Amino acid sequence: MSETNENHSIEKDYHISHSNEAIKTSSVPKIKELVEELRKKFLERYKNNPENYDPIDIENIKNNDFPVKRFLISQNLDINEAIEQLDECMKWRKSYGVNKLNFSHCGVELFKLGALFICNEDIEGRTVLYVRVKAHIKIHELEKLMQVFISFN
């Protein structure tokens, strides 16, 4: 195995938790069970109040382990904390209309500043967002546009 492939494999086995401690997923034999338990608990909440959630997000939670797993990892595998965070996030996404956003919602002013821009994808195919802190200017009127831009991407 080449060094690059070996490093990529190691990166896939480890995830950084909220407290910046590595959680080795292969050493947690029940990670799949925890993902399923969190998914089940969340879908129970969804059934009680479906109007609070976006159907696109619900389908993603049902069919994709990654968004569920990331909430577990960010909460150090604490199901109770993870369910609260996942629930709040999904409600926020619905209220903010994240799945309906596109570049036309961002405003040309944001791009003219050059403080935020998208460039390429990472090795997993996800969009990479660059933030040029030096070019960032805190302008109250642009804060909402910046939130839209970051939410959309």
N, C-alpha and C. Protein backbone atom coordinates (compact mmCIF):
# COMPACT_ATOMS: atom_id res chain seq x y z
N MET A 1 0.85 -1.17 0.00
CA MET A 1 0.00 0.00 0.00
C MET A 1 0.90 1.24 0.00
N SER A 2 0.59 2.18 -0.85
CA SER A 2 1.39 3.40 -0.89
C SER A 2 1.14 4.24 0.35
N GLU A 3 2.07 5.15 0.62
CA GLU A 3 1.92 6.00 1.81
C GLU A 3 0.66 6.84 1.73
N THR A 4 0.35 7.36 0.54
CA THR A 4 -0.85 8.19 0.37
C THR A 4 -2.11 7.38 0.67
N ASN A 5 -2.20 6.16 0.11
CA ASN A 5 -3.37 5.33 0.36
C ASN A 5 -3.44 4.92 1.82
N GLU A 6 -2.28 4.64 2.43
CA GLU A 6 -2.26 4.25 3.83
C GLU A 6 -2.75 5.40 4.72
N ASN A 7 -2.30 6.63 4.45
CA ASN A 7 -2.75 7.79 5.23
C ASN A 7 -4.24 8.02 5.06
N HIS A 8 -4.75 7.86 3.83
CA HIS A 8 -6.17 8.06 3.58
C HIS A 8 -6.98 7.03 4.36
N SER A 9 -6.48 5.78 4.41
CA SER A 9 -7.16 4.73 5.16
C SER A 9 -7.18 5.06 6.65
N ILE A 10 -6.06 5.56 7.16
CA ILE A 10 -5.99 5.94 8.57
C ILE A 10 -6.98 7.07 8.85
N GLU A 11 -7.04 8.06 7.96
CA GLU A 11 -7.96 9.18 8.16
C GLU A 11 -9.40 8.70 8.19
N LYS A 12 -9.74 7.69 7.39
CA LYS A 12 -11.10 7.19 7.38
C LYS A 12 -11.44 6.44 8.66
N ASP A 13 -10.44 5.85 9.34
CA ASP A 13 -10.67 5.11 10.57
C ASP A 13 -10.83 6.02 11.78
N TYR A 14 -10.34 7.24 11.69
CA TYR A 14 -10.41 8.15 12.82
C TYR A 14 -11.32 9.33 12.50
N HIS A 15 -12.01 9.78 13.48
CA HIS A 15 -12.84 10.98 13.35
C HIS A 15 -12.50 11.87 14.53
N ILE A 16 -12.52 13.16 14.32
CA ILE A 16 -12.22 14.09 15.40
C ILE A 16 -13.53 14.45 16.08
N SER A 17 -13.54 14.30 17.38
CA SER A 17 -14.73 14.63 18.15
C SER A 17 -14.73 16.12 18.46
N HIS A 18 -15.81 16.56 19.07
CA HIS A 18 -15.97 17.97 19.41
C HIS A 18 -14.84 18.45 20.32
N SER A 19 -14.35 17.58 21.17
CA SER A 19 -13.28 17.97 22.09
C SER A 19 -11.90 17.71 21.49
N ASN A 20 -11.84 17.49 20.18
CA ASN A 20 -10.61 17.27 19.43
C ASN A 20 -9.88 16.00 19.84
N GLU A 21 -10.56 15.06 20.43
CA GLU A 21 -9.99 13.76 20.72
C GLU A 21 -10.40 12.83 19.59
N ALA A 22 -9.48 12.00 19.15
CA ALA A 22 -9.79 11.07 18.06
C ALA A 22 -10.65 9.93 18.58
N ILE A 23 -11.68 9.59 17.84
CA ILE A 23 -12.49 8.42 18.14
C ILE A 23 -12.21 7.43 17.02
N LYS A 24 -11.59 6.33 17.34
CA LYS A 24 -11.28 5.33 16.33
C LYS A 24 -12.54 4.50 16.13
N THR A 25 -13.16 4.65 14.95
CA THR A 25 -14.44 4.00 14.71
C THR A 25 -14.32 2.48 14.71
N SER A 26 -13.17 1.95 14.31
CA SER A 26 -13.03 0.51 14.32
C SER A 26 -12.94 -0.03 15.75
N SER A 27 -12.58 0.84 16.73
CA SER A 27 -12.52 0.40 18.12
C SER A 27 -13.87 0.56 18.82
N VAL A 28 -14.83 1.09 18.15
CA VAL A 28 -16.17 1.24 18.70
C VAL A 28 -17.06 0.26 17.95
N PRO A 29 -17.18 -0.95 18.48
CA PRO A 29 -17.87 -2.00 17.73
C PRO A 29 -19.35 -1.71 17.49
N LYS A 30 -19.93 -0.83 18.28
CA LYS A 30 -21.37 -0.60 18.15
C LYS A 30 -21.70 0.70 17.42
N ILE A 31 -20.76 1.25 16.64
CA ILE A 31 -21.02 2.53 15.98
C ILE A 31 -22.23 2.43 15.06
N LYS A 32 -22.36 1.33 14.34
CA LYS A 32 -23.52 1.16 13.45
C LYS A 32 -24.81 1.07 14.24
N GLU A 33 -24.75 0.40 15.39
CA GLU A 33 -25.94 0.31 16.24
C GLU A 33 -26.32 1.68 16.80
N LEU A 34 -25.31 2.48 17.15
CA LEU A 34 -25.58 3.83 17.66
C LEU A 34 -26.19 4.71 16.57
N VAL A 35 -25.68 4.57 15.35
CA VAL A 35 -26.24 5.34 14.22
C VAL A 35 -27.70 4.96 14.03
N GLU A 36 -27.98 3.67 14.05
CA GLU A 36 -29.37 3.22 13.87
C GLU A 36 -30.27 3.68 15.01
N GLU A 37 -29.75 3.64 16.23
CA GLU A 37 -30.54 4.10 17.38
C GLU A 37 -30.85 5.59 17.29
N LEU A 38 -29.84 6.38 16.92
CA LEU A 38 -30.06 7.82 16.78
C LEU A 38 -31.04 8.10 15.65
N ARG A 39 -30.89 7.42 14.54
CA ARG A 39 -31.81 7.59 13.41
C ARG A 39 -33.24 7.26 13.85
N LYS A 40 -33.41 6.15 14.56
CA LYS A 40 -34.75 5.73 15.02
C LYS A 40 -35.36 6.78 15.94
N LYS A 41 -34.58 7.28 16.89
CA LYS A 41 -35.09 8.30 17.82
C LYS A 41 -35.47 9.58 17.08
N PHE A 42 -34.63 9.97 16.13
CA PHE A 42 -34.94 11.19 15.38
C PHE A 42 -36.22 11.01 14.56
N LEU A 43 -36.35 9.87 13.89
CA LEU A 43 -37.54 9.64 13.06
C LEU A 43 -38.81 9.57 13.90
N GLU A 44 -38.71 9.16 15.15
CA GLU A 44 -39.86 9.20 16.06
C GLU A 44 -40.27 10.65 16.32
N ARG A 45 -39.28 11.51 16.53
CA ARG A 45 -39.58 12.94 16.72
C ARG A 45 -40.21 13.52 15.46
N TYR A 46 -39.68 13.12 14.33
CA TYR A 46 -40.21 13.60 13.05
C TYR A 46 -41.68 13.20 12.89
N LYS A 47 -42.03 11.97 13.23
CA LYS A 47 -43.41 11.50 13.08
C LYS A 47 -44.38 12.31 13.94
N ASN A 48 -43.91 12.79 15.09
CA ASN A 48 -44.77 13.58 15.98
C ASN A 48 -45.03 14.98 15.46
N ASN A 49 -44.07 15.56 14.71
CA ASN A 49 -44.20 16.93 14.19
C ASN A 49 -43.55 17.05 12.82
N PRO A 50 -44.09 16.41 11.80
CA PRO A 50 -43.45 16.43 10.48
C PRO A 50 -43.35 17.82 9.85
N GLU A 51 -44.20 18.72 10.27
CA GLU A 51 -44.18 20.08 9.70
C GLU A 51 -42.93 20.87 10.11
N ASN A 52 -42.21 20.40 11.12
CA ASN A 52 -41.00 21.10 11.59
C ASN A 52 -39.75 20.77 10.78
N TYR A 53 -39.86 19.83 9.84
CA TYR A 53 -38.68 19.33 9.14
C TYR A 53 -38.87 19.36 7.63
N ASP A 54 -37.78 19.50 6.92
CA ASP A 54 -37.79 19.49 5.45
C ASP A 54 -37.74 18.04 4.96
N PRO A 55 -38.63 17.65 4.05
CA PRO A 55 -38.64 16.28 3.54
C PRO A 55 -37.30 15.85 2.91
N ILE A 56 -36.58 16.78 2.31
CA ILE A 56 -35.28 16.46 1.72
C ILE A 56 -34.31 16.02 2.81
N ASP A 57 -34.31 16.73 3.93
CA ASP A 57 -33.43 16.37 5.05
C ASP A 57 -33.83 15.03 5.65
N ILE A 58 -35.13 14.78 5.74
CA ILE A 58 -35.61 13.51 6.31
C ILE A 58 -35.15 12.34 5.44
N GLU A 59 -35.25 12.49 4.13
CA GLU A 59 -34.79 11.42 3.23
C GLU A 59 -33.29 11.19 3.40
N ASN A 60 -32.55 12.27 3.57
CA ASN A 60 -31.10 12.15 3.77
C ASN A 60 -30.79 11.41 5.07
N ILE A 61 -31.51 11.71 6.12
CA ILE A 61 -31.31 11.03 7.40
C ILE A 61 -31.68 9.55 7.28
N LYS A 62 -32.75 9.25 6.56
CA LYS A 62 -33.18 7.86 6.39
C LYS A 62 -32.19 7.03 5.59
N ASN A 63 -31.58 7.64 4.56
CA ASN A 63 -30.81 6.87 3.59
C ASN A 63 -29.30 7.03 3.67
N ASN A 64 -28.81 7.88 4.57
CA ASN A 64 -27.38 8.16 4.59
C ASN A 64 -26.88 8.15 6.03
N ASP A 65 -25.88 7.34 6.30
CA ASP A 65 -25.33 7.25 7.66
C ASP A 65 -24.49 8.47 8.04
N PHE A 66 -23.86 9.12 7.06
CA PHE A 66 -22.93 10.20 7.38
C PHE A 66 -23.54 11.32 8.20
N PRO A 67 -24.68 11.89 7.81
CA PRO A 67 -25.20 13.01 8.63
C PRO A 67 -25.58 12.58 10.04
N VAL A 68 -25.98 11.34 10.22
CA VAL A 68 -26.33 10.84 11.55
C VAL A 68 -25.05 10.63 12.36
N LYS A 69 -24.08 10.00 11.73
CA LYS A 69 -22.82 9.68 12.40
C LYS A 69 -22.07 10.94 12.85
N ARG A 70 -22.13 11.99 12.04
CA ARG A 70 -21.39 13.20 12.40
C ARG A 70 -21.93 13.85 13.68
N PHE A 71 -23.24 13.73 13.92
CA PHE A 71 -23.80 14.26 15.17
C PHE A 71 -23.36 13.42 16.36
N LEU A 72 -23.28 12.12 16.17
CA LEU A 72 -22.78 11.24 17.23
C LEU A 72 -21.33 11.58 17.56
N ILE A 73 -20.52 11.73 16.54
CA ILE A 73 -19.11 12.00 16.75
C ILE A 73 -18.91 13.36 17.42
N SER A 74 -19.66 14.35 16.98
CA SER A 74 -19.51 15.69 17.57
C SER A 74 -19.90 15.72 19.04
N GLN A 75 -20.71 14.76 19.44
CA GLN A 75 -21.15 14.69 20.84
C GLN A 75 -20.51 13.52 21.58
N ASN A 76 -19.35 13.08 21.09
CA ASN A 76 -18.59 11.98 21.73
C ASN A 76 -19.44 10.74 21.98
N LEU A 77 -20.28 10.42 20.99
CA LEU A 77 -21.13 9.22 20.99
C LEU A 77 -22.20 9.24 22.07
N ASP A 78 -22.54 10.41 22.58
CA ASP A 78 -23.62 10.56 23.55
C ASP A 78 -24.94 10.71 22.78
N ILE A 79 -25.75 9.65 22.81
CA ILE A 79 -27.01 9.63 22.06
C ILE A 79 -27.93 10.77 22.46
N ASN A 80 -28.05 11.05 23.74
CA ASN A 80 -28.97 12.09 24.21
C ASN A 80 -28.57 13.47 23.70
N GLU A 81 -27.28 13.77 23.76
CA GLU A 81 -26.80 15.06 23.24
C GLU A 81 -26.93 15.11 21.72
N ALA A 82 -26.61 14.00 21.06
CA ALA A 82 -26.65 13.94 19.60
C ALA A 82 -28.07 14.14 19.08
N ILE A 83 -29.06 13.56 19.73
CA ILE A 83 -30.45 13.69 19.26
C ILE A 83 -30.91 15.14 19.38
N GLU A 84 -30.52 15.80 20.46
CA GLU A 84 -30.90 17.20 20.63
C GLU A 84 -30.26 18.07 19.55
N GLN A 85 -28.98 17.84 19.29
CA GLN A 85 -28.27 18.63 18.28
C GLN A 85 -28.83 18.36 16.88
N LEU A 86 -29.06 17.10 16.56
CA LEU A 86 -29.62 16.74 15.26
C LEU A 86 -31.00 17.36 15.07
N ASP A 87 -31.84 17.26 16.10
CA ASP A 87 -33.19 17.82 16.04
C ASP A 87 -33.16 19.33 15.81
N GLU A 88 -32.35 20.04 16.58
CA GLU A 88 -32.24 21.50 16.43
C GLU A 88 -31.71 21.87 15.04
N CYS A 89 -30.73 21.14 14.58
CA CYS A 89 -30.16 21.42 13.26
C CYS A 89 -31.20 21.24 12.15
N MET A 90 -31.94 20.16 12.21
CA MET A 90 -32.94 19.89 11.16
C MET A 90 -34.08 20.92 11.20
N LYS A 91 -34.46 21.34 12.39
CA LYS A 91 -35.48 22.39 12.51
C LYS A 91 -34.96 23.71 11.95
N TRP A 92 -33.70 24.03 12.26
CA TRP A 92 -33.10 25.26 11.76
C TRP A 92 -33.03 25.22 10.23
N ARG A 93 -32.61 24.09 9.67
CA ARG A 93 -32.51 23.96 8.21
C ARG A 93 -33.87 24.21 7.56
N LYS A 94 -34.94 23.70 8.17
CA LYS A 94 -36.29 23.91 7.63
C LYS A 94 -36.68 25.38 7.73
N SER A 95 -36.45 26.00 8.90
CA SER A 95 -36.85 27.40 9.10
C SER A 95 -36.04 28.34 8.21
N TYR A 96 -34.81 27.99 7.94
CA TYR A 96 -33.93 28.84 7.14
C TYR A 96 -34.11 28.58 5.65
N GLY A 97 -34.72 27.45 5.30
CA GLY A 97 -34.93 27.11 3.89
C GLY A 97 -33.65 26.72 3.17
N VAL A 98 -32.75 26.03 3.86
CA VAL A 98 -31.44 25.69 3.31
C VAL A 98 -31.54 24.92 2.00
N ASN A 99 -32.48 24.02 1.89
CA ASN A 99 -32.58 23.20 0.68
C ASN A 99 -33.14 23.95 -0.52
N LYS A 100 -33.60 25.16 -0.29
CA LYS A 100 -34.13 25.98 -1.39
C LYS A 100 -33.16 27.07 -1.82
N LEU A 101 -32.02 27.17 -1.13
CA LEU A 101 -31.05 28.22 -1.43
C LEU A 101 -30.23 27.89 -2.67
N ASN A 102 -29.80 28.94 -3.36
CA ASN A 102 -28.84 28.80 -4.45
C ASN A 102 -27.99 30.06 -4.50
N PHE A 103 -27.08 30.13 -5.46
CA PHE A 103 -26.15 31.26 -5.51
C PHE A 103 -26.86 32.61 -5.68
N SER A 104 -28.04 32.63 -6.27
CA SER A 104 -28.72 33.91 -6.46
C SER A 104 -29.13 34.53 -5.12
N HIS A 105 -29.21 33.73 -4.06
CA HIS A 105 -29.55 34.25 -2.74
C HIS A 105 -28.36 34.89 -2.02
N CYS A 106 -27.17 34.69 -2.55
CA CYS A 106 -25.96 35.14 -1.85
C CYS A 106 -25.62 36.60 -2.08
N GLY A 107 -26.02 37.15 -3.18
CA GLY A 107 -25.71 38.54 -3.45
C GLY A 107 -24.31 38.72 -4.02
N VAL A 108 -24.20 39.57 -5.00
CA VAL A 108 -22.92 39.80 -5.68
C VAL A 108 -21.91 40.49 -4.77
N GLU A 109 -22.39 41.22 -3.75
CA GLU A 109 -21.49 41.94 -2.84
C GLU A 109 -20.52 41.00 -2.13
N LEU A 110 -21.02 39.84 -1.78
CA LEU A 110 -20.20 38.86 -1.08
C LEU A 110 -19.02 38.41 -1.94
N PHE A 111 -19.27 38.21 -3.21
CA PHE A 111 -18.21 37.76 -4.11
C PHE A 111 -17.22 38.88 -4.41
N LYS A 112 -17.71 40.11 -4.45
CA LYS A 112 -16.82 41.24 -4.72
C LYS A 112 -15.82 41.46 -3.59
N LEU A 113 -16.22 41.16 -2.36
CA LEU A 113 -15.31 41.29 -1.23
C LEU A 113 -14.15 40.31 -1.33
N GLY A 114 -14.40 39.14 -1.87
CA GLY A 114 -13.37 38.12 -2.00
C GLY A 114 -12.99 37.46 -0.69
N ALA A 115 -13.81 37.60 0.33
CA ALA A 115 -13.50 37.01 1.62
C ALA A 115 -13.91 35.53 1.68
N LEU A 116 -14.91 35.16 0.92
CA LEU A 116 -15.39 33.78 0.87
C LEU A 116 -15.45 33.34 -0.58
N PHE A 117 -15.00 32.15 -0.85
CA PHE A 117 -15.18 31.61 -2.18
C PHE A 117 -15.04 30.09 -2.17
N ILE A 118 -15.61 29.48 -3.18
CA ILE A 118 -15.57 28.03 -3.31
C ILE A 118 -14.47 27.68 -4.29
N CYS A 119 -13.69 26.68 -3.95
CA CYS A 119 -12.61 26.26 -4.83
C CYS A 119 -12.44 24.75 -4.74
N ASN A 120 -12.77 24.07 -5.80
CA ASN A 120 -12.56 22.63 -5.93
C ASN A 120 -13.37 21.80 -4.93
N GLU A 121 -12.99 20.54 -4.84
CA GLU A 121 -13.63 19.60 -3.92
C GLU A 121 -12.54 18.85 -3.16
N ASP A 122 -12.90 18.32 -1.99
CA ASP A 122 -11.94 17.51 -1.25
C ASP A 122 -11.91 16.10 -1.84
N ILE A 123 -11.13 15.20 -1.24
CA ILE A 123 -11.00 13.85 -1.79
C ILE A 123 -12.28 13.04 -1.69
N GLU A 124 -13.23 13.48 -0.89
CA GLU A 124 -14.52 12.82 -0.76
C GLU A 124 -15.57 13.41 -1.72
N GLY A 125 -15.17 14.45 -2.48
CA GLY A 125 -16.09 15.06 -3.42
C GLY A 125 -16.94 16.18 -2.84
N ARG A 126 -16.65 16.60 -1.60
CA ARG A 126 -17.42 17.67 -0.97
C ARG A 126 -16.82 19.02 -1.35
N THR A 127 -17.65 20.02 -1.47
CA THR A 127 -17.22 21.36 -1.82
C THR A 127 -16.35 21.94 -0.72
N VAL A 128 -15.26 22.61 -1.12
CA VAL A 128 -14.35 23.24 -0.16
C VAL A 128 -14.63 24.74 -0.16
N LEU A 129 -14.90 25.29 1.00
CA LEU A 129 -15.16 26.71 1.16
C LEU A 129 -13.93 27.36 1.77
N TYR A 130 -13.37 28.33 1.06
CA TYR A 130 -12.22 29.07 1.56
C TYR A 130 -12.69 30.38 2.17
N VAL A 131 -12.13 30.68 3.33
CA VAL A 131 -12.43 31.93 4.01
C VAL A 131 -11.11 32.69 4.11
N ARG A 132 -11.03 33.82 3.45
CA ARG A 132 -9.84 34.67 3.52
C ARG A 132 -10.08 35.67 4.64
N VAL A 133 -9.61 35.32 5.82
CA VAL A 133 -9.86 36.13 7.01
C VAL A 133 -9.33 37.54 6.83
N LYS A 134 -8.18 37.68 6.21
CA LYS A 134 -7.59 39.00 6.01
C LYS A 134 -8.50 39.92 5.17
N ALA A 135 -9.24 39.32 4.25
CA ALA A 135 -10.12 40.11 3.38
C ALA A 135 -11.51 40.31 3.98
N HIS A 136 -11.79 39.62 5.07
CA HIS A 136 -13.12 39.73 5.69
C HIS A 136 -13.28 41.09 6.37
N ILE A 137 -14.39 41.74 6.05
CA ILE A 137 -14.74 43.01 6.67
C ILE A 137 -16.11 42.82 7.31
N LYS A 138 -16.21 43.12 8.59
CA LYS A 138 -17.49 42.94 9.26
C LYS A 138 -18.43 44.08 8.88
N ILE A 139 -19.39 43.74 8.05
CA ILE A 139 -20.41 44.69 7.61
C ILE A 139 -21.75 44.08 8.00
N HIS A 140 -22.44 44.74 8.88
CA HIS A 140 -23.69 44.21 9.43
C HIS A 140 -24.67 43.80 8.33
N GLU A 141 -24.77 44.59 7.28
CA GLU A 141 -25.72 44.33 6.21
C GLU A 141 -25.39 43.05 5.43
N LEU A 142 -24.13 42.64 5.47
CA LEU A 142 -23.72 41.45 4.71
C LEU A 142 -23.71 40.18 5.55
N GLU A 143 -23.95 40.29 6.83
CA GLU A 143 -23.91 39.11 7.70
C GLU A 143 -24.94 38.06 7.28
N LYS A 144 -26.15 38.50 6.95
CA LYS A 144 -27.20 37.57 6.53
C LYS A 144 -26.79 36.88 5.22
N LEU A 145 -26.23 37.64 4.29
CA LEU A 145 -25.78 37.05 3.02
C LEU A 145 -24.68 36.02 3.26
N MET A 146 -23.80 36.31 4.21
CA MET A 146 -22.72 35.37 4.53
C MET A 146 -23.30 34.09 5.12
N GLN A 147 -24.29 34.20 5.97
CA GLN A 147 -24.94 33.02 6.54
C GLN A 147 -25.59 32.19 5.44
N VAL A 148 -26.24 32.85 4.50
CA VAL A 148 -26.86 32.15 3.37
C VAL A 148 -25.81 31.42 2.56
N PHE A 149 -24.72 32.12 2.25
CA PHE A 149 -23.65 31.52 1.45
C PHE A 149 -23.08 30.29 2.12
N ILE A 150 -22.79 30.37 3.40
CA ILE A 150 -22.21 29.25 4.13
C ILE A 150 -23.23 28.13 4.25
N SER A 151 -24.49 28.45 4.49
CA SER A 151 -25.54 27.43 4.61
C SER A 151 -25.75 26.70 3.29
N PHE A 152 -25.72 27.45 2.22
CA PHE A 152 -25.94 26.87 0.90
C PHE A 152 -24.82 25.93 0.51
N ASN A 153 -23.62 26.26 0.93
CA ASN A 153 -22.47 25.44 0.55
C ASN A 153 -22.16 24.46 1.62
